[in-house]
Amino acid sequence: MQLRHFYATGRKGAFLGIVSNLALAIFKLAAGIIGKSNAMIADALHTTSDLLSSAVVYVGFKIAETPPDEHHPYGHARAESVAAKIVSIILLFFGVKVFICSLMVILGNKISTPGIIALYAAIISIIVKLVTYKYTLRLGNKIDSTSLKGDAQHHKSDMLSSIAVLIGIGCARISIELWYMDAVAGMVVAGMVIKIGFDMFHRAYDELLDAAPSKDLRNKIEGLIMQTDGVMDFKDLNIRKLGLELHIDAKIKVDRKMSVEESHNITIKIKRDIRKALPNAKSILIHVEPLEGTDPPSA
């Protein structure tokens, strides 16, 4: 039930991104064309890439929530990580395209002064993106979603790019000698998009290949296991993150004279404590072994 709530929260955040990015992309593109601003057109492309990424994240959550079936007995949780990887590729593509277009404007010496509408569009974009960034990041941290936190970073990068665009357009309007600042702002925007694309690709890559979890998460789970009465030692703790879900398995050692029922109750207690502390822990497997007198304690 908790995971269903997490997925619903993820879709909510992604849907907000779709609506806000669609409205901003249309507005900024129109402002860029009317105001003859290369930087604003580049910023509109940036927002369009954010729109596509939010849409991919939304679909990823929908697929990930689908229950296991005959062909996917372990569920579809990795769809969220796959969505994050697709988003990163989209960002890289748009980033390179915008950078090249902005560079060609400077090399072509296409002198022009952007209109005031482009300046207003940049200011509005900064305000809208600041609000959506903070809200989406809060939701992403709440459910520990890589793709939703990545989507929040896209909102942040769009806000920062709009700040760069605001500076570029402002400089170009102040003096005709600074006409190139509009295109320079477009190149700065592109650089931001490329950097975020690389970072997100790396995170999604790690999740898809079951990279080791953070040290803090591992220490937290180890503490929950060892604080349980009856647990004398543990080993082979493995943690995998599949989208929003955590899958955990470990071996614990108990007094060899303990009954099967007593050791079973210990595993129930461990699972309950872990799920209470980590609501996104879907699968927890605890194997019980007797503690031998010659067994060394774990490091």
Protein backbone atom coordinates (compact mmCIF):
# COMPACT_ATOMS: atom_id res chain seq x y z
CA MET A 1 0.00 0.00 0.00
CA GLN A 2 2.83 2.35 0.86
CA LEU A 3 4.52 1.78 -2.50
CA ARG A 4 1.26 2.52 -4.32
CA HIS A 5 1.17 5.85 -2.52
CA PHE A 6 4.80 6.46 -3.55
CA TYR A 7 4.01 5.79 -7.20
CA ALA A 8 0.96 8.08 -7.02
CA THR A 9 3.16 10.80 -5.54
CA GLY A 10 5.70 10.30 -8.32
CA ARG A 11 3.04 10.63 -11.01
CA LYS A 12 1.74 13.78 -9.33
CA GLY A 13 5.17 15.41 -9.48
CA ALA A 14 5.74 14.35 -13.08
CA PHE A 15 2.30 15.61 -14.14
CA LEU A 16 3.07 19.03 -12.67
CA GLY A 17 6.24 19.07 -14.77
CA ILE A 18 4.30 18.21 -17.92
CA VAL A 19 1.73 20.99 -17.46
CA SER A 20 4.19 23.73 -16.41
CA ASN A 21 6.78 22.83 -19.05
CA LEU A 22 4.20 22.71 -21.85
CA ALA A 23 2.90 26.20 -20.99
CA LEU A 24 6.40 27.64 -20.59
CA ALA A 25 7.80 26.05 -23.74
CA ILE A 26 5.05 27.55 -25.91
CA PHE A 27 5.35 30.96 -24.22
CA LYS A 28 9.15 31.10 -24.42
CA LEU A 29 9.28 29.92 -28.02
CA ALA A 30 6.79 32.60 -29.04
CA ALA A 31 8.71 35.23 -27.05
CA GLY A 32 11.99 34.12 -28.61
CA ILE A 33 10.64 34.31 -32.16
CA ILE A 34 8.80 37.62 -31.68
CA GLY A 35 11.68 39.12 -29.68
CA LYS A 36 14.31 37.71 -32.06
CA SER A 37 16.31 36.21 -29.20
CA ASN A 38 18.53 33.20 -29.85
CA ALA A 39 18.98 32.70 -26.11
CA MET A 40 15.22 32.59 -25.49
CA ILE A 41 14.69 30.14 -28.35
CA ALA A 42 17.43 27.98 -26.83
CA ASP A 43 15.73 28.28 -23.44
CA ALA A 44 12.44 27.20 -25.05
CA LEU A 45 14.20 24.09 -26.43
CA HIS A 46 15.56 23.45 -22.95
CA THR A 47 12.05 23.62 -21.52
CA THR A 48 10.80 21.35 -24.31
CA SER A 49 13.40 18.76 -23.28
CA ASP A 50 12.11 19.11 -19.71
CA LEU A 51 8.58 18.54 -21.00
CA LEU A 52 9.66 15.32 -22.72
CA SER A 53 11.58 14.18 -19.65
CA SER A 54 8.56 14.79 -17.36
CA ALA A 55 6.39 12.80 -19.78
CA VAL A 56 8.87 9.91 -19.82
CA VAL A 57 9.08 9.95 -16.01
CA TYR A 58 5.27 9.87 -15.76
CA VAL A 59 5.03 6.87 -18.11
CA GLY A 60 7.89 5.21 -16.22
CA PHE A 61 5.95 5.43 -12.95
CA LYS A 62 2.83 4.03 -14.60
CA ILE A 63 4.75 1.02 -15.95
CA ALA A 64 6.74 0.48 -12.73
CA GLU A 65 3.51 0.24 -10.72
CA THR A 66 2.22 -2.60 -12.90
CA PRO A 67 2.08 -5.81 -10.82
CA PRO A 68 4.22 -8.87 -11.68
CA ASP A 69 3.04 -11.09 -14.51
CA GLU A 70 4.09 -14.33 -16.20
CA HIS A 71 6.79 -12.64 -18.28
CA HIS A 72 7.94 -10.28 -15.49
CA PRO A 73 7.72 -12.30 -12.24
CA TYR A 74 9.79 -9.70 -10.36
CA GLY A 75 7.57 -6.80 -11.43
CA HIS A 76 8.35 -3.72 -13.50
CA ALA A 77 10.15 -1.53 -10.95
CA ARG A 78 13.19 -1.02 -13.17
CA ALA A 79 10.99 0.93 -15.60
CA GLU A 80 11.58 3.98 -13.40
CA SER A 81 15.35 3.67 -13.87
CA VAL A 82 14.93 3.02 -17.59
CA ALA A 83 12.83 6.19 -17.80
CA ALA A 84 15.59 8.14 -16.06
CA LYS A 85 18.12 6.84 -18.60
CA ILE A 86 15.92 7.83 -21.54
CA VAL A 87 15.51 11.30 -20.05
CA SER A 88 19.30 11.68 -19.76
CA ILE A 89 19.76 10.82 -23.43
CA ILE A 90 17.09 13.36 -24.41
CA LEU A 91 18.90 16.02 -22.38
CA LEU A 92 22.26 15.23 -23.97
CA PHE A 93 20.77 15.43 -27.47
CA PHE A 94 19.07 18.78 -26.89
CA GLY A 95 22.09 20.18 -25.07
CA VAL A 96 24.46 19.48 -27.96
CA LYS A 97 21.94 20.79 -30.51
CA VAL A 98 21.39 24.08 -28.65
CA PHE A 99 25.13 24.58 -28.13
CA ILE A 100 25.87 24.16 -31.84
CA CYS A 101 23.03 26.51 -32.87
CA SER A 102 24.20 29.22 -30.46
CA LEU A 103 27.81 28.85 -31.60
CA MET A 104 26.77 29.22 -35.25
CA VAL A 105 25.04 32.52 -34.43
CA ILE A 106 28.31 33.94 -33.05
CA LEU A 107 30.45 32.56 -35.87
CA GLY A 108 27.98 33.88 -38.41
CA ASN A 109 28.18 37.36 -36.85
CA LYS A 110 24.38 37.68 -36.93
CA ILE A 111 23.98 40.96 -35.08
CA SER A 112 20.52 41.65 -33.61
CA THR A 113 18.96 43.16 -30.48
CA PRO A 114 16.39 40.96 -28.67
CA GLY A 115 12.95 42.47 -27.93
CA ILE A 116 11.62 43.34 -24.47
CA ILE A 117 9.14 40.43 -24.57
CA ALA A 118 12.07 38.00 -24.38
CA LEU A 119 13.25 39.75 -21.21
CA TYR A 120 9.81 39.42 -19.58
CA ALA A 121 9.62 35.76 -20.60
CA ALA A 122 12.92 35.05 -18.84
CA ILE A 123 11.68 36.66 -15.61
CA ILE A 124 8.42 34.69 -15.65
CA SER A 125 10.31 31.47 -16.38
CA ILE A 126 12.62 32.00 -13.39
CA ILE A 127 9.67 32.40 -11.00
CA VAL A 128 7.70 29.41 -12.33
CA LYS A 129 10.75 27.13 -12.40
CA LEU A 130 11.78 28.04 -8.85
CA VAL A 131 8.36 26.96 -7.55
CA THR A 132 8.22 23.72 -9.57
CA TYR A 133 11.83 22.84 -8.66
CA LYS A 134 11.24 23.11 -4.91
CA TYR A 135 7.96 21.21 -5.04
CA THR A 136 9.22 18.39 -7.27
CA LEU A 137 12.44 17.98 -5.27
CA ARG A 138 10.44 17.67 -2.06
CA LEU A 139 8.32 14.91 -3.60
CA GLY A 140 11.40 13.17 -5.04
CA ASN A 141 13.17 13.14 -1.67
CA LYS A 142 10.00 11.94 0.04
CA ILE A 143 9.77 8.79 -2.10
CA ASP A 144 13.52 8.52 -2.93
CA SER A 145 12.90 8.55 -6.69
CA THR A 146 15.92 8.95 -8.97
CA SER A 147 13.84 9.99 -11.97
CA LEU A 148 11.68 12.47 -10.02
CA LYS A 149 14.70 14.04 -8.33
CA GLY A 150 16.29 14.17 -11.76
CA ASP A 151 13.18 15.91 -13.08
CA ALA A 152 13.51 18.44 -10.24
CA GLN A 153 17.09 19.10 -11.31
CA HIS A 154 15.80 19.77 -14.82
CA HIS A 155 13.50 22.44 -13.38
CA LYS A 156 16.48 23.90 -11.53
CA SER A 157 18.68 23.89 -14.62
CA ASP A 158 15.89 25.55 -16.59
CA MET A 159 15.66 28.22 -13.90
CA LEU A 160 19.42 28.77 -13.98
CA SER A 161 19.38 28.85 -17.77
CA SER A 162 16.64 31.48 -17.66
CA ILE A 163 18.83 33.54 -15.35
CA ALA A 164 21.67 33.25 -17.87
CA VAL A 165 19.24 34.18 -20.65
CA LEU A 166 18.03 37.18 -18.63
CA ILE A 167 21.62 38.40 -18.28
CA GLY A 168 22.41 37.76 -21.94
CA ILE A 169 19.30 39.50 -23.24
CA GLY A 170 19.79 42.36 -20.79
CA CYS A 171 23.38 42.93 -21.95
CA ALA A 172 22.39 42.72 -25.61
CA ARG A 173 19.65 45.31 -25.09
CA ILE A 174 21.91 47.67 -23.13
CA SER A 175 24.50 47.93 -25.91
CA ILE A 176 24.62 46.83 -29.55
CA GLU A 177 28.29 46.03 -28.98
CA LEU A 178 27.18 43.25 -26.62
CA TRP A 179 24.86 41.61 -29.19
CA TYR A 180 26.78 38.33 -28.89
CA MET A 181 25.82 37.95 -25.19
CA ASP A 182 22.43 36.61 -26.26
CA ALA A 183 24.09 33.70 -28.10
CA VAL A 184 26.65 33.22 -25.32
CA ALA A 185 23.75 32.78 -22.89
CA GLY A 186 22.40 30.10 -25.23
CA MET A 187 25.73 28.25 -25.04
CA VAL A 188 25.71 28.47 -21.24
CA VAL A 189 22.22 26.99 -21.18
CA ALA A 190 23.38 24.14 -23.41
CA GLY A 191 26.32 23.41 -21.11
CA MET A 192 23.96 23.11 -18.14
CA VAL A 193 21.73 20.70 -20.00
CA ILE A 194 24.67 18.50 -21.06
CA LYS A 195 26.07 18.36 -17.50
CA ILE A 196 22.73 17.30 -15.99
CA GLY A 197 22.26 14.73 -18.76
CA PHE A 198 25.61 13.09 -17.98
CA ASP A 199 24.92 13.04 -14.22
CA MET A 200 21.49 11.51 -14.62
CA PHE A 201 22.76 8.91 -17.10
CA HIS A 202 25.36 7.80 -14.54
CA ARG A 203 22.81 7.47 -11.72
CA ALA A 204 20.38 5.48 -13.86
CA TYR A 205 23.24 3.30 -15.12
CA ASP A 206 24.22 2.43 -11.54
CA GLU A 207 20.66 1.48 -10.61
CA LEU A 208 20.19 -0.73 -13.66
CA LEU A 209 23.43 -2.59 -12.85
CA ASP A 210 22.62 -2.97 -9.12
CA ALA A 211 25.44 -0.72 -7.94
CA ALA A 212 26.20 -0.73 -4.21
CA PRO A 213 23.84 1.50 -2.18
CA SER A 214 24.98 4.52 -0.22
CA LYS A 215 27.00 3.89 2.92
CA ASP A 216 24.37 5.65 5.02
CA LEU A 217 21.62 3.33 3.81
CA ARG A 218 23.74 0.25 4.44
CA ASN A 219 24.68 1.43 7.95
CA LYS A 220 21.03 2.11 8.72
CA ILE A 221 19.95 -1.41 7.75
CA GLU A 222 22.89 -2.99 9.60
CA GLY A 223 21.89 -1.06 12.73
CA LEU A 224 18.28 -2.25 12.47
CA ILE A 225 19.45 -5.87 12.21
CA MET A 226 21.94 -5.78 15.06
CA GLN A 227 19.61 -3.95 17.47
CA THR A 228 17.17 -6.87 17.33
CA ASP A 229 17.20 -9.08 20.44
CA GLY A 230 18.57 -12.52 19.67
CA VAL A 231 20.75 -11.50 16.72
CA MET A 232 24.35 -12.33 17.59
CA ASP A 233 25.94 -11.55 14.23
CA PHE A 234 25.11 -11.11 10.56
CA LYS A 235 26.77 -11.44 7.14
CA ASP A 236 26.15 -11.18 3.40
CA LEU A 237 23.92 -8.11 3.51
CA ASN A 238 22.84 -7.30 -0.05
CA ILE A 239 20.74 -4.29 -1.04
CA ARG A 240 19.34 -3.58 -4.49
CA LYS A 241 17.38 -0.51 -5.59
CA LEU A 242 14.86 -1.20 -8.35
CA GLY A 243 13.29 2.12 -9.21
CA LEU A 244 11.52 3.21 -6.03
CA GLU A 245 11.77 -0.24 -4.45
CA LEU A 246 14.43 -1.65 -2.14
CA HIS A 247 15.14 -5.39 -2.14
CA ILE A 248 17.15 -6.59 0.86
CA ASP A 249 18.56 -9.96 1.87
CA ALA A 250 20.91 -10.91 4.69
CA LYS A 251 22.05 -13.80 6.86
CA ILE A 252 21.80 -13.52 10.63
CA LYS A 253 23.37 -15.74 13.27
CA VAL A 254 21.55 -16.75 16.43
CA ASP A 255 22.16 -19.03 19.41
CA ARG A 256 22.36 -22.59 18.05
CA LYS A 257 20.08 -23.76 20.86
CA MET A 258 17.28 -21.40 19.79
CA SER A 259 14.09 -23.03 18.52
CA VAL A 260 12.90 -22.65 14.93
CA GLU A 261 9.90 -20.64 16.11
CA GLU A 262 12.06 -18.24 18.14
CA SER A 263 14.45 -17.61 15.24
CA HIS A 264 11.49 -17.13 12.90
CA ASN A 265 10.03 -14.49 15.22
CA ILE A 266 13.36 -12.65 15.09
CA THR A 267 13.19 -12.44 11.29
CA ILE A 268 9.63 -11.09 11.55
CA LYS A 269 10.84 -8.40 13.97
CA ILE A 270 13.71 -7.42 11.65
CA LYS A 271 11.41 -7.17 8.64
CA ARG A 272 8.91 -5.08 10.57
CA ASP A 273 11.60 -2.67 11.79
CA ILE A 274 13.11 -2.28 8.32
CA ARG A 275 9.74 -1.63 6.66
CA LYS A 276 8.89 0.91 9.35
CA ALA A 277 12.15 2.77 8.77
CA LEU A 278 12.19 2.24 4.97
CA PRO A 279 8.62 2.14 3.58
CA ASN A 280 9.93 1.48 0.06
CA ALA A 281 11.48 -1.84 1.14
CA LYS A 282 9.40 -4.29 -0.88
CA SER A 283 11.29 -7.58 -0.56
CA ILE A 284 13.19 -8.56 2.59
CA LEU A 285 14.75 -12.02 2.90
CA ILE A 286 16.40 -12.95 6.20
CA HIS A 287 18.21 -16.30 6.37
CA VAL A 288 18.96 -17.75 9.83
CA GLU A 289 22.15 -19.64 10.69
CA PRO A 290 23.41 -21.01 14.04
CA LEU A 291 26.36 -19.19 15.59
CA GLU A 292 29.33 -21.53 15.78
CA GLY A 293 31.85 -21.07 18.54
CA THR A 294 34.67 -20.88 15.98
CA ASP A 295 32.89 -18.32 13.81
CA PRO A 296 34.65 -14.92 13.86
CA PRO A 297 32.45 -11.84 14.35
CA SER A 298 31.66 -9.75 11.28
CA ALA A 299 33.79 -6.72 10.55
